[in-house]
Every structure is written in C-alpha cells, then in structure tokens.
C-alpha cells in the first residue's frame, strides 16, 4: 500500500485499472474501470498499481506520494499545486492574447479560473508565512517586462524616442 497526499481542495475520483478482459468462449468482456476517491488535503492509502495510475494522471495538480514524512509531502504538494495554478492562469492569458490578436471575440474566464486565483493567493500567503526559502523561488503570474532594446540603442545615439500617437483628425 502506498499513501498519497492531495493538496487539491476537492475530492478526486480517479479511474484505475480493474483487470484484463475476460474471455467467455468467443466473447470478450471488458469490465469498466473501478474508481478510487482521493480526498483533498488528506492522506489516502491505495494499492501500488493504482498509485502509479493516479500519480501519472493527477500528480501534476498536487497529488504526491508520502515517502518519509507528511510535512515533506505537504510541502512538495503545495509547490506542485502552486505551479499547476500558475500554469492554468498563464495558459488562459496566452489564449486570450491569441484571441485578441486574431480579432476573435473575447472569451470570459470560467468560474474555475477565479477559484484558481483565490487558491493560488492563499497558497502563496501560506508559503510566505511558513517557508521563506521556497517563497524566493515561487513563479509569478505577472507578465515579465520585455527590455526596450531599440530605445536603449537610440538613447546611446542621443535620440529620444517619442511614443507614436494616433492621428484622430484623419477620417476614413
């Protein structure tokens, strides 16, 4: 038996392997997958074969194996969950940027995305309060500012760049 810890706030219903197909003469029966419930923010004991399937499918979102101590597993799960939340929010921002660039209609965020932001802020506050080493390497969802290489080059030549303003007096 392997113990799994989930940092997710919800209970996950994980489909796991039931067994090979059954042969009855010329017929073959494939039984549906059985499921294992992994409770959120709790330790769940599962079989070795089931743990591999669960960790492969849900490990990225904050499910880890408890190896030595529960505190270590909680720390690893919080980091995985935080990285997962940052990735989901960044993916949505990239998607919206692509939609805007192509001129498509704006897609409103799902309610789940708002929950992700709330959970991410709570995790960040918890990590900042309890683990100063980990807090230094937490990724951020703020976009990284790009350096203005052309502006720097113009400044070296003595030319001050002036931002372009649209000419509103021109009619179409």
N, C-alpha and C. Protein backbone atom coordinates (compact mmCIF):
# COMPACT_ATOMS: atom_id res chain seq x y z
N UNK A 1 0.84 -1.19 0.00
CA UNK A 1 0.00 0.00 0.00
C UNK A 1 0.88 1.24 0.00
N UNK A 2 0.48 2.20 -0.80
CA UNK A 2 1.17 3.48 -0.89
C UNK A 2 0.23 4.56 -0.39
N UNK A 3 0.80 5.51 0.34
CA UNK A 3 -0.01 6.63 0.83
C UNK A 3 0.18 7.82 -0.09
N UNK A 4 -0.94 8.42 -0.49
CA UNK A 4 -0.92 9.60 -1.35
C UNK A 4 -1.50 10.78 -0.57
N UNK A 5 -0.90 11.96 -0.78
CA UNK A 5 -1.42 13.19 -0.19
C UNK A 5 -1.85 14.11 -1.32
N UNK A 6 -3.05 14.68 -1.20
CA UNK A 6 -3.56 15.58 -2.23
C UNK A 6 -3.70 16.98 -1.65
N UNK A 7 -3.11 17.96 -2.34
CA UNK A 7 -3.25 19.36 -1.93
C UNK A 7 -4.48 20.00 -2.57
N UNK A 8 -5.13 19.29 -3.45
CA UNK A 8 -6.32 19.83 -4.11
C UNK A 8 -7.43 20.05 -3.10
N UNK A 9 -8.27 21.07 -3.30
CA UNK A 9 -9.34 21.33 -2.35
C UNK A 9 -10.52 20.38 -2.48
N UNK A 10 -10.61 19.67 -3.61
CA UNK A 10 -11.75 18.80 -3.86
C UNK A 10 -11.33 17.33 -3.78
N UNK A 11 -12.32 16.46 -3.67
CA UNK A 11 -12.07 15.03 -3.71
C UNK A 11 -12.00 14.59 -5.16
N UNK A 12 -10.97 13.84 -5.51
CA UNK A 12 -10.76 13.40 -6.88
C UNK A 12 -11.27 11.97 -7.00
N UNK A 13 -12.07 11.71 -8.00
CA UNK A 13 -12.47 10.35 -8.32
C UNK A 13 -11.58 9.85 -9.45
N UNK A 14 -10.67 8.95 -9.12
CA UNK A 14 -9.64 8.51 -10.05
C UNK A 14 -9.99 7.15 -10.64
N UNK A 15 -10.12 7.05 -11.96
CA UNK A 15 -10.31 5.72 -12.56
C UNK A 15 -8.99 4.95 -12.52
N UNK A 16 -9.05 3.71 -12.09
CA UNK A 16 -7.85 2.88 -12.01
C UNK A 16 -8.13 1.54 -12.70
N UNK A 17 -7.11 0.79 -12.96
CA UNK A 17 -7.18 -0.45 -13.73
C UNK A 17 -7.96 -1.52 -12.97
N UNK A 18 -8.91 -2.14 -13.62
CA UNK A 18 -9.67 -3.23 -12.99
C UNK A 18 -9.02 -4.58 -13.26
N UNK A 19 -8.62 -4.84 -14.45
CA UNK A 19 -8.02 -6.12 -14.77
C UNK A 19 -8.10 -6.39 -16.26
N UNK A 20 -7.51 -7.48 -16.70
CA UNK A 20 -7.54 -7.80 -18.13
C UNK A 20 -8.96 -8.20 -18.56
N UNK A 21 -9.25 -8.14 -19.86
CA UNK A 21 -10.57 -8.55 -20.34
C UNK A 21 -10.83 -10.02 -20.02
N UNK A 22 -12.09 -10.35 -19.84
CA UNK A 22 -12.49 -11.72 -19.54
C UNK A 22 -12.90 -12.42 -20.82
N UNK A 23 -12.48 -13.66 -20.98
CA UNK A 23 -12.81 -14.46 -22.16
C UNK A 23 -13.90 -15.48 -21.80
N UNK A 24 -15.01 -15.44 -22.50
CA UNK A 24 -16.07 -16.43 -22.36
C UNK A 24 -16.35 -17.00 -23.75
N UNK A 25 -15.66 -18.05 -24.09
CA UNK A 25 -15.84 -18.64 -25.41
C UNK A 25 -15.35 -17.69 -26.48
N UNK A 26 -16.24 -17.32 -27.39
CA UNK A 26 -15.88 -16.42 -28.48
C UNK A 26 -16.03 -14.96 -28.09
N UNK A 27 -16.58 -14.71 -26.90
CA UNK A 27 -16.82 -13.32 -26.47
C UNK A 27 -15.73 -12.85 -25.52
N UNK A 28 -15.48 -11.57 -25.58
CA UNK A 28 -14.53 -10.95 -24.67
C UNK A 28 -15.24 -9.82 -23.96
N UNK A 29 -15.19 -9.82 -22.65
CA UNK A 29 -15.82 -8.76 -21.86
C UNK A 29 -14.75 -7.86 -21.27
N UNK A 30 -14.92 -6.58 -21.46
CA UNK A 30 -14.03 -5.60 -20.85
C UNK A 30 -14.82 -4.91 -19.75
N UNK A 31 -14.39 -5.10 -18.54
CA UNK A 31 -15.08 -4.51 -17.40
C UNK A 31 -14.71 -3.03 -17.29
N UNK A 32 -15.65 -2.21 -16.83
CA UNK A 32 -15.32 -0.79 -16.68
C UNK A 32 -14.30 -0.58 -15.57
N UNK A 33 -13.59 0.53 -15.66
CA UNK A 33 -12.58 0.85 -14.65
C UNK A 33 -13.26 1.05 -13.30
N UNK A 34 -12.57 0.64 -12.27
CA UNK A 34 -13.08 0.97 -10.94
C UNK A 34 -12.50 2.32 -10.56
N UNK A 35 -13.00 2.92 -9.51
CA UNK A 35 -12.54 4.25 -9.14
C UNK A 35 -12.05 4.25 -7.70
N UNK A 36 -11.13 5.15 -7.42
CA UNK A 36 -10.60 5.37 -6.08
C UNK A 36 -10.81 6.85 -5.78
N UNK A 37 -11.36 7.16 -4.62
CA UNK A 37 -11.54 8.56 -4.21
C UNK A 37 -10.34 9.00 -3.39
N UNK A 38 -9.68 10.06 -3.84
CA UNK A 38 -8.56 10.66 -3.12
C UNK A 38 -9.09 11.95 -2.52
N UNK A 39 -9.14 12.00 -1.20
CA UNK A 39 -9.70 13.17 -0.51
C UNK A 39 -8.73 14.33 -0.56
N UNK A 40 -9.29 15.52 -0.68
CA UNK A 40 -8.48 16.72 -0.74
C UNK A 40 -7.87 17.05 0.61
N UNK A 41 -6.58 17.43 0.60
CA UNK A 41 -5.82 17.81 1.79
C UNK A 41 -5.86 16.73 2.87
N UNK A 42 -5.73 15.48 2.42
CA UNK A 42 -5.76 14.34 3.32
C UNK A 42 -4.91 13.22 2.73
N UNK A 43 -4.52 12.26 3.58
CA UNK A 43 -3.73 11.11 3.14
C UNK A 43 -4.68 9.96 2.81
N UNK A 44 -4.46 9.33 1.65
CA UNK A 44 -5.27 8.21 1.21
C UNK A 44 -4.34 7.04 0.89
N UNK A 45 -4.65 5.85 1.40
CA UNK A 45 -3.86 4.66 1.11
C UNK A 45 -4.45 3.95 -0.11
N UNK A 46 -3.60 3.67 -1.10
CA UNK A 46 -4.04 2.98 -2.31
C UNK A 46 -3.03 1.88 -2.63
N UNK A 47 -3.41 0.97 -3.50
CA UNK A 47 -2.51 -0.10 -3.93
C UNK A 47 -1.38 0.42 -4.80
N UNK A 48 -0.31 -0.39 -4.90
CA UNK A 48 0.87 0.03 -5.68
C UNK A 48 0.51 0.30 -7.14
N UNK A 49 -0.27 -0.58 -7.73
CA UNK A 49 -0.64 -0.44 -9.14
C UNK A 49 -1.54 0.78 -9.36
N UNK A 50 -2.44 1.02 -8.41
CA UNK A 50 -3.34 2.18 -8.51
C UNK A 50 -2.59 3.49 -8.33
N UNK A 51 -1.59 3.50 -7.44
CA UNK A 51 -0.85 4.73 -7.17
C UNK A 51 -0.14 5.24 -8.41
N UNK A 52 0.43 4.33 -9.20
CA UNK A 52 1.13 4.75 -10.42
C UNK A 52 0.17 5.44 -11.38
N UNK A 53 -1.03 4.89 -11.53
CA UNK A 53 -2.02 5.49 -12.43
C UNK A 53 -2.49 6.84 -11.92
N UNK A 54 -2.73 6.94 -10.62
CA UNK A 54 -3.21 8.20 -10.04
C UNK A 54 -2.15 9.27 -10.14
N UNK A 55 -0.91 8.93 -9.81
CA UNK A 55 0.16 9.93 -9.87
C UNK A 55 0.43 10.38 -11.30
N UNK A 56 0.30 9.47 -12.25
CA UNK A 56 0.51 9.84 -13.65
C UNK A 56 -0.54 10.84 -14.12
N UNK A 57 -1.78 10.61 -13.71
CA UNK A 57 -2.87 11.45 -14.21
C UNK A 57 -3.06 12.73 -13.39
N UNK A 58 -2.93 12.66 -12.07
CA UNK A 58 -3.26 13.79 -11.21
C UNK A 58 -2.06 14.36 -10.45
N UNK A 59 -0.88 13.80 -10.63
CA UNK A 59 0.29 14.24 -9.88
C UNK A 59 0.65 15.69 -10.14
N UNK A 60 0.48 16.13 -11.35
CA UNK A 60 0.82 17.50 -11.72
C UNK A 60 -0.04 18.53 -10.99
N UNK A 61 -1.24 18.12 -10.60
CA UNK A 61 -2.16 19.08 -9.98
C UNK A 61 -2.09 19.07 -8.46
N UNK A 62 -1.10 18.39 -7.86
CA UNK A 62 -0.92 18.49 -6.42
C UNK A 62 -1.11 17.21 -5.65
N UNK A 63 -0.97 16.04 -6.29
CA UNK A 63 -1.07 14.75 -5.59
C UNK A 63 0.34 14.16 -5.57
N UNK A 64 0.84 13.83 -4.35
CA UNK A 64 2.18 13.29 -4.21
C UNK A 64 2.16 12.05 -3.32
N UNK A 65 3.21 11.27 -3.42
CA UNK A 65 3.36 10.08 -2.57
C UNK A 65 4.02 10.50 -1.26
N UNK A 66 3.49 10.02 -0.16
CA UNK A 66 4.08 10.28 1.16
C UNK A 66 5.20 9.26 1.34
N UNK A 67 6.46 9.72 1.28
CA UNK A 67 7.59 8.81 1.38
C UNK A 67 8.14 8.77 2.80
N UNK A 68 8.65 9.90 3.28
CA UNK A 68 9.27 9.93 4.60
C UNK A 68 8.34 10.53 5.64
N UNK A 69 8.01 11.79 5.45
CA UNK A 69 7.17 12.47 6.44
C UNK A 69 6.02 13.18 5.74
N UNK A 70 4.97 13.39 6.49
CA UNK A 70 3.80 14.07 5.94
C UNK A 70 4.12 15.54 5.64
N UNK A 71 4.95 16.16 6.46
CA UNK A 71 5.30 17.58 6.24
C UNK A 71 6.04 17.76 4.92
N UNK A 72 6.94 16.84 4.62
CA UNK A 72 7.67 16.90 3.35
C UNK A 72 6.71 16.73 2.17
N UNK A 73 5.78 15.78 2.31
CA UNK A 73 4.80 15.55 1.24
C UNK A 73 3.91 16.77 1.06
N UNK A 74 3.51 17.41 2.16
CA UNK A 74 2.67 18.61 2.06
C UNK A 74 3.43 19.73 1.35
N UNK A 75 4.70 19.89 1.66
CA UNK A 75 5.50 20.94 1.03
C UNK A 75 5.62 20.69 -0.47
N UNK A 76 5.89 19.43 -0.86
CA UNK A 76 6.00 19.10 -2.28
C UNK A 76 4.66 19.28 -3.00
N UNK A 77 3.57 18.89 -2.33
CA UNK A 77 2.25 19.01 -2.94
C UNK A 77 1.85 20.48 -3.11
N UNK A 78 2.19 21.31 -2.14
CA UNK A 78 1.87 22.74 -2.26
C UNK A 78 2.62 23.35 -3.43
N UNK A 79 3.88 22.97 -3.59
CA UNK A 79 4.67 23.52 -4.69
C UNK A 79 4.10 23.06 -6.04
N UNK A 80 3.76 21.77 -6.14
CA UNK A 80 3.17 21.27 -7.38
C UNK A 80 1.84 21.95 -7.68
N UNK A 81 1.01 22.11 -6.65
CA UNK A 81 -0.31 22.74 -6.85
C UNK A 81 -0.13 24.19 -7.27
N UNK A 82 0.80 24.90 -6.64
CA UNK A 82 1.03 26.30 -7.00
C UNK A 82 1.50 26.41 -8.45
N UNK A 83 2.43 25.55 -8.85
CA UNK A 83 2.91 25.56 -10.23
C UNK A 83 1.77 25.26 -11.21
N UNK A 84 0.91 24.31 -10.84
CA UNK A 84 -0.24 23.96 -11.67
C UNK A 84 -1.17 25.16 -11.83
N UNK A 85 -1.46 25.87 -10.75
CA UNK A 85 -2.36 27.02 -10.81
C UNK A 85 -1.78 28.14 -11.67
N UNK A 86 -0.48 28.40 -11.48
CA UNK A 86 0.18 29.43 -12.29
C UNK A 86 0.11 29.05 -13.77
N UNK A 87 0.33 27.79 -14.09
CA UNK A 87 0.28 27.34 -15.48
C UNK A 87 -1.11 27.50 -16.08
N UNK A 88 -2.16 27.17 -15.31
CA UNK A 88 -3.52 27.30 -15.81
C UNK A 88 -3.87 28.76 -16.10
N UNK A 89 -3.48 29.65 -15.20
CA UNK A 89 -3.78 31.08 -15.38
C UNK A 89 -2.97 31.64 -16.55
N UNK A 90 -1.71 31.24 -16.66
CA UNK A 90 -0.88 31.70 -17.77
C UNK A 90 -1.40 31.18 -19.11
N UNK A 91 -1.86 29.94 -19.14
CA UNK A 91 -2.44 29.39 -20.37
C UNK A 91 -3.68 30.18 -20.79
N UNK A 92 -4.51 30.56 -19.83
CA UNK A 92 -5.70 31.36 -20.16
C UNK A 92 -5.28 32.72 -20.71
N UNK A 93 -4.30 33.35 -20.08
CA UNK A 93 -3.84 34.66 -20.57
C UNK A 93 -3.28 34.55 -21.99
N UNK A 94 -2.53 33.50 -22.26
CA UNK A 94 -1.99 33.31 -23.61
C UNK A 94 -3.12 33.08 -24.61
N UNK A 95 -4.12 32.31 -24.21
CA UNK A 95 -5.26 32.05 -25.08
C UNK A 95 -6.00 33.34 -25.41
N UNK A 96 -6.23 34.18 -24.41
CA UNK A 96 -6.91 35.45 -24.62
C UNK A 96 -6.07 36.35 -25.53
N UNK A 97 -4.75 36.34 -25.33
CA UNK A 97 -3.89 37.13 -26.20
C UNK A 97 -3.96 36.67 -27.65
N UNK A 98 -4.01 35.37 -27.86
CA UNK A 98 -4.14 34.85 -29.22
C UNK A 98 -5.50 35.22 -29.83
N UNK A 99 -6.55 35.14 -29.02
CA UNK A 99 -7.88 35.52 -29.50
C UNK A 99 -7.92 36.99 -29.90
N UNK A 100 -7.33 37.85 -29.08
CA UNK A 100 -7.32 39.28 -29.39
C UNK A 100 -6.49 39.56 -30.64
N UNK A 101 -5.36 38.88 -30.78
CA UNK A 101 -4.51 39.10 -31.94
C UNK A 101 -5.18 38.66 -33.23
N UNK A 102 -6.00 37.63 -33.15
CA UNK A 102 -6.67 37.15 -34.36
C UNK A 102 -7.99 37.89 -34.63
N UNK A 103 -8.38 38.76 -33.71
CA UNK A 103 -9.61 39.52 -33.89
C UNK A 103 -10.87 38.76 -33.52
N UNK A 104 -10.72 37.64 -32.84
CA UNK A 104 -11.88 36.84 -32.42
C UNK A 104 -12.54 37.47 -31.20
N UNK A 105 -13.71 36.99 -30.88
CA UNK A 105 -14.45 37.51 -29.74
C UNK A 105 -13.73 37.15 -28.44
N UNK A 106 -13.89 38.01 -27.45
CA UNK A 106 -13.27 37.79 -26.14
C UNK A 106 -13.98 36.65 -25.42
N UNK A 107 -13.21 35.76 -24.82
CA UNK A 107 -13.76 34.63 -24.09
C UNK A 107 -13.64 34.91 -22.60
N UNK A 108 -14.78 34.96 -21.93
CA UNK A 108 -14.78 35.22 -20.49
C UNK A 108 -14.19 34.03 -19.75
N UNK A 109 -13.47 34.29 -18.64
CA UNK A 109 -12.91 33.16 -17.89
C UNK A 109 -14.01 32.36 -17.20
N UNK A 110 -13.75 31.07 -17.04
CA UNK A 110 -14.69 30.21 -16.32
C UNK A 110 -14.61 30.53 -14.83
N UNK A 111 -15.64 30.13 -14.11
CA UNK A 111 -15.66 30.35 -12.65
C UNK A 111 -14.50 29.62 -11.98
N UNK A 112 -14.10 28.50 -12.56
CA UNK A 112 -13.00 27.73 -12.00
C UNK A 112 -11.70 28.53 -11.99
N UNK A 113 -11.51 29.40 -12.98
CA UNK A 113 -10.30 30.20 -13.04
C UNK A 113 -10.25 31.19 -11.88
N UNK A 114 -11.39 31.76 -11.50
CA UNK A 114 -11.42 32.65 -10.34
C UNK A 114 -11.08 31.88 -9.07
N UNK A 115 -11.55 30.65 -8.97
CA UNK A 115 -11.22 29.81 -7.81
C UNK A 115 -9.73 29.51 -7.80
N UNK A 116 -9.14 29.29 -8.96
CA UNK A 116 -7.70 29.05 -9.05
C UNK A 116 -6.91 30.24 -8.53
N UNK A 117 -7.32 31.44 -8.90
CA UNK A 117 -6.61 32.64 -8.45
C UNK A 117 -6.71 32.77 -6.94
N UNK A 118 -7.90 32.54 -6.39
CA UNK A 118 -8.09 32.62 -4.95
C UNK A 118 -7.23 31.58 -4.23
N UNK A 119 -7.24 30.36 -4.74
CA UNK A 119 -6.44 29.29 -4.13
C UNK A 119 -4.95 29.59 -4.24
N UNK A 120 -4.53 30.15 -5.37
CA UNK A 120 -3.13 30.48 -5.56
C UNK A 120 -2.66 31.53 -4.56
N UNK A 121 -3.49 32.55 -4.34
CA UNK A 121 -3.13 33.60 -3.37
C UNK A 121 -3.05 33.04 -1.96
N UNK A 122 -3.96 32.12 -1.60
CA UNK A 122 -3.92 31.51 -0.28
C UNK A 122 -2.67 30.64 -0.11
N UNK A 123 -2.32 29.87 -1.15
CA UNK A 123 -1.10 29.06 -1.09
C UNK A 123 0.13 29.94 -0.98
N UNK A 124 0.15 31.02 -1.71
CA UNK A 124 1.29 31.93 -1.68
C UNK A 124 1.46 32.54 -0.29
N UNK A 125 0.36 32.96 0.32
CA UNK A 125 0.42 33.52 1.67
C UNK A 125 0.91 32.48 2.67
N UNK A 126 0.45 31.24 2.52
CA UNK A 126 0.88 30.17 3.41
C UNK A 126 2.36 29.88 3.26
N UNK A 127 2.83 29.83 2.03
CA UNK A 127 4.25 29.57 1.78
C UNK A 127 5.10 30.72 2.30
N UNK A 128 4.68 31.95 2.08
CA UNK A 128 5.44 33.10 2.56
C UNK A 128 5.54 33.11 4.08
N UNK A 129 4.48 32.67 4.76
CA UNK A 129 4.49 32.66 6.22
C UNK A 129 5.31 31.51 6.78
N UNK A 130 5.34 30.37 6.10
CA UNK A 130 5.95 29.17 6.69
C UNK A 130 7.27 28.74 6.08
N UNK A 131 7.57 29.14 4.87
CA UNK A 131 8.76 28.64 4.20
C UNK A 131 9.45 29.76 3.42
N UNK A 132 10.34 30.51 4.08
CA UNK A 132 10.98 31.64 3.38
C UNK A 132 11.90 31.20 2.24
N UNK A 133 12.45 29.99 2.30
CA UNK A 133 13.34 29.52 1.23
C UNK A 133 12.53 29.26 -0.03
N UNK A 134 11.40 28.57 0.10
CA UNK A 134 10.57 28.27 -1.05
C UNK A 134 9.93 29.53 -1.63
N UNK A 135 9.63 30.49 -0.77
CA UNK A 135 8.95 31.70 -1.25
C UNK A 135 9.83 32.49 -2.21
N UNK A 136 11.14 32.33 -2.13
CA UNK A 136 12.03 33.07 -3.03
C UNK A 136 11.98 32.54 -4.46
N UNK A 137 11.55 31.30 -4.65
CA UNK A 137 11.57 30.72 -5.99
C UNK A 137 10.17 30.49 -6.56
N UNK A 138 9.13 31.02 -5.92
CA UNK A 138 7.78 30.83 -6.43
C UNK A 138 7.62 31.56 -7.76
N UNK A 139 7.05 30.92 -8.76
CA UNK A 139 6.79 31.62 -10.02
C UNK A 139 5.65 32.62 -9.84
N UNK A 140 5.59 33.57 -10.71
CA UNK A 140 4.57 34.60 -10.62
C UNK A 140 3.72 34.58 -11.88
N UNK A 141 2.50 35.10 -11.76
CA UNK A 141 1.66 35.18 -12.95
C UNK A 141 1.77 36.54 -13.63
N UNK A 142 2.52 37.46 -13.02
CA UNK A 142 2.70 38.77 -13.64
C UNK A 142 3.56 38.62 -14.88
N UNK A 143 3.17 39.26 -15.97
CA UNK A 143 3.99 39.13 -17.18
C UNK A 143 5.36 39.77 -16.98
N UNK A 144 6.37 39.14 -17.55
CA UNK A 144 7.73 39.67 -17.43
C UNK A 144 7.89 40.85 -18.38
N UNK A 145 8.39 41.98 -17.88
CA UNK A 145 8.58 43.12 -18.78
C UNK A 145 9.71 42.83 -19.77
N UNK A 146 9.47 43.18 -21.01
CA UNK A 146 10.48 42.99 -22.04
C UNK A 146 11.36 44.23 -22.11
N UNK A 147 12.66 44.04 -22.22
CA UNK A 147 13.54 45.21 -22.31
C UNK A 147 13.33 45.94 -23.64
N UNK A 148 13.45 47.24 -23.60
CA UNK A 148 13.30 48.06 -24.80
C UNK A 148 14.68 48.24 -25.43
N UNK A 149 15.09 47.26 -26.21
CA UNK A 149 16.43 47.28 -26.80
C UNK A 149 16.59 48.41 -27.80
N UNK A 150 15.57 48.66 -28.60
CA UNK A 150 15.66 49.73 -29.60
C UNK A 150 15.74 51.10 -28.91
N UNK A 151 14.96 51.28 -27.85
CA UNK A 151 15.01 52.55 -27.12
C UNK A 151 16.36 52.79 -26.49
N UNK A 152 16.97 51.73 -25.95
CA UNK A 152 18.30 51.86 -25.37
C UNK A 152 19.33 52.22 -26.44
N UNK A 153 19.20 51.60 -27.60
CA UNK A 153 20.13 51.88 -28.70
C UNK A 153 19.99 53.33 -29.18
N UNK A 154 18.73 53.79 -29.29
CA UNK A 154 18.51 55.17 -29.70
C UNK A 154 19.03 56.15 -28.66
N UNK A 155 18.87 55.80 -27.38
CA UNK A 155 19.36 56.69 -26.31
C UNK A 155 20.88 56.80 -26.36
N UNK A 156 21.57 55.72 -26.72
CA UNK A 156 23.03 55.77 -26.84
C UNK A 156 23.46 56.71 -27.96
N UNK A 157 22.61 56.80 -29.01
CA UNK A 157 22.94 57.68 -30.14
C UNK A 157 22.47 59.11 -29.90
N UNK A 158 21.80 59.35 -28.77
CA UNK A 158 21.36 60.70 -28.46
C UNK A 158 19.97 61.02 -28.97
N UNK A 159 19.24 60.04 -29.46
CA UNK A 159 17.90 60.26 -29.98
C UNK A 159 16.91 59.81 -28.91
N UNK A 160 16.01 60.73 -28.55
CA UNK A 160 15.00 60.38 -27.56
C UNK A 160 13.77 59.83 -28.28
N UNK A 161 13.40 58.59 -27.97
CA UNK A 161 12.23 58.03 -28.64
C UNK A 161 10.95 58.70 -28.17
N UNK A 162 10.05 58.95 -29.11
CA UNK A 162 8.76 59.57 -28.82
C UNK A 162 7.68 58.54 -29.14
N UNK A 163 6.80 58.27 -28.18
CA UNK A 163 5.75 57.28 -28.48
C UNK A 163 4.83 57.79 -29.58
N UNK A 164 4.42 56.90 -30.44
CA UNK A 164 3.53 57.24 -31.53
C UNK A 164 2.12 57.44 -31.00
N UNK A 165 1.46 58.50 -31.46
CA UNK A 165 0.07 58.76 -31.08
C UNK A 165 -0.78 58.69 -32.34
N UNK A 166 -1.96 58.12 -32.23
CA UNK A 166 -2.81 58.04 -33.42
C UNK A 166 -3.30 59.43 -33.83
N UNK A 167 -3.37 59.65 -35.11
CA UNK A 167 -3.87 60.92 -35.64
C UNK A 167 -5.39 60.81 -35.70
N UNK A 168 -6.06 61.48 -34.76
CA UNK A 168 -7.51 61.37 -34.68
C UNK A 168 -8.23 62.29 -35.67
N UNK A 169 -7.49 63.19 -36.34
CA UNK A 169 -8.12 64.11 -37.26
C UNK A 169 -8.35 63.51 -38.63
N UNK A 170 -7.84 62.35 -38.91
CA UNK A 170 -7.98 61.76 -40.22
C UNK A 170 -9.27 60.95 -40.27
N UNK A 171 -10.09 61.24 -41.25
CA UNK A 171 -11.35 60.49 -41.40
C UNK A 171 -11.18 59.36 -42.39
N UNK A 172 -12.02 58.41 -42.29
CA UNK A 172 -11.94 57.29 -43.22
C UNK A 172 -12.89 57.44 -44.36
